[in-house]
Protein backbone atom coordinates (compact mmCIF):
# COMPACT_ATOMS: atom_id res chain seq x y z
CA UNK A 1 -0.06 -0.05 0.06
CA UNK A 2 1.23 3.36 -0.75
CA UNK A 3 2.27 5.90 1.89
CA UNK A 4 -0.58 8.32 0.97
CA UNK A 5 -3.16 5.49 1.22
CA UNK A 6 -1.72 4.65 4.68
CA UNK A 7 -2.11 8.27 5.93
CA UNK A 8 -5.56 8.58 4.50
CA UNK A 9 -6.87 5.32 6.31
CA UNK A 10 -4.92 6.42 9.63
CA UNK A 11 -6.82 9.82 9.38
CA UNK A 12 -10.09 7.91 8.67
CA UNK A 13 -9.65 5.78 11.63
CA UNK A 14 -8.93 8.60 14.08
CA UNK A 15 -12.08 10.70 12.83
CA UNK A 16 -14.14 7.39 13.23
CA UNK A 17 -12.86 6.83 16.82
CA UNK A 18 -13.41 10.30 17.89
CA UNK A 19 -16.93 10.33 16.50
CA UNK A 20 -17.73 7.07 18.38
CA UNK A 21 -16.36 8.71 21.54
CA UNK A 22 -18.38 11.74 21.10
CA UNK A 23 -21.57 9.51 20.37
CA UNK A 24 -21.18 7.83 23.74
CA UNK A 25 -20.57 11.18 25.56
CA UNK A 26 -23.72 12.39 23.95
CA UNK A 27 -25.59 9.48 25.00
CA UNK A 28 -24.50 9.59 28.46
CA UNK A 29 -25.17 13.27 28.91
CA UNK A 30 -28.33 14.00 26.87
CA UNK A 31 -31.83 12.75 26.58
CA UNK A 32 -32.10 9.54 24.56
CA UNK A 33 -35.29 10.75 22.82
CA UNK A 34 -33.36 13.52 21.40
CA UNK A 35 -30.04 12.14 20.92
CA UNK A 36 -30.93 8.88 19.06
CA UNK A 37 -32.83 10.69 16.15
CA UNK A 38 -29.82 13.12 15.71
CA UNK A 39 -27.41 10.16 15.66
CA UNK A 40 -29.58 8.38 12.90
CA UNK A 41 -29.23 11.42 10.64
CA UNK A 42 -26.10 9.86 9.21
CA UNK A 43 -27.67 9.02 5.83
CA UNK A 44 -28.76 12.66 5.48
CA UNK A 45 -25.11 13.75 5.73
CA UNK A 46 -24.07 11.05 3.36
CA UNK A 47 -26.47 12.42 0.77
CA UNK A 48 -25.23 16.01 1.32
CA UNK A 49 -21.64 15.02 1.20
CA UNK A 50 -22.20 12.71 -1.92
CA UNK A 51 -23.73 15.79 -3.71
CA UNK A 52 -20.63 17.94 -2.82
CA UNK A 53 -17.93 15.42 -3.57
CA UNK A 54 -19.04 12.59 -5.84
CA UNK A 55 -21.15 14.36 -8.33
CA UNK A 56 -19.66 12.23 -11.20
CA UNK A 57 -20.06 8.91 -9.42
CA UNK A 58 -23.22 9.26 -7.36
CA UNK A 59 -26.55 10.52 -8.84
CA UNK A 60 -29.04 12.16 -6.47
CA UNK A 61 -32.49 12.02 -7.71
CA UNK A 62 -35.75 13.38 -6.47
CA UNK A 63 -36.57 10.32 -4.62
CA UNK A 64 -33.34 10.66 -2.40
CA UNK A 65 -33.98 14.25 -1.84
CA UNK A 66 -37.44 13.74 -0.79
CA UNK A 67 -36.28 10.93 1.60
CA UNK A 68 -33.66 13.27 2.98
CA UNK A 69 -36.17 16.12 3.54
CA UNK A 70 -38.50 13.64 5.21
CA UNK A 71 -35.82 12.59 7.58
CA UNK A 72 -34.93 16.22 8.35
CA UNK A 73 -38.57 16.91 9.05
CA UNK A 74 -38.72 14.00 11.53
CA UNK A 75 -35.76 15.14 13.35
CA UNK A 76 -37.17 18.65 13.56
CA UNK A 77 -40.58 17.36 14.88
CA UNK A 78 -38.85 15.03 17.33
CA UNK A 79 -36.42 17.51 18.76
CA UNK A 80 -38.67 20.58 18.87
CA UNK A 81 -40.89 19.28 21.76
C-alpha cells in the first residue's frame, strides 16, 4: 500500500474513533429521545456530502432528496418538543 493511502486510512480511523467517543458522551449526557434521532441522521449527511464530492459518481435523484427532507422533518418534529 502506498504511503498516501496509509495516511488516509489512519486519518479516517482517527476521525471514526473520535466520532464514536463523542456519540457515547452524547448518549451519557443527553436525553435519549433527542440524541438517538440526531445520531440516526447519518444518511442525511451522506447524501449531502455525496452531492458535494461525488457528483460524477453518485447521482442524487428526486426520490433521494425527498427521503432526506422527510428525515430532516422527522428530526425537527422530534427535537422541537
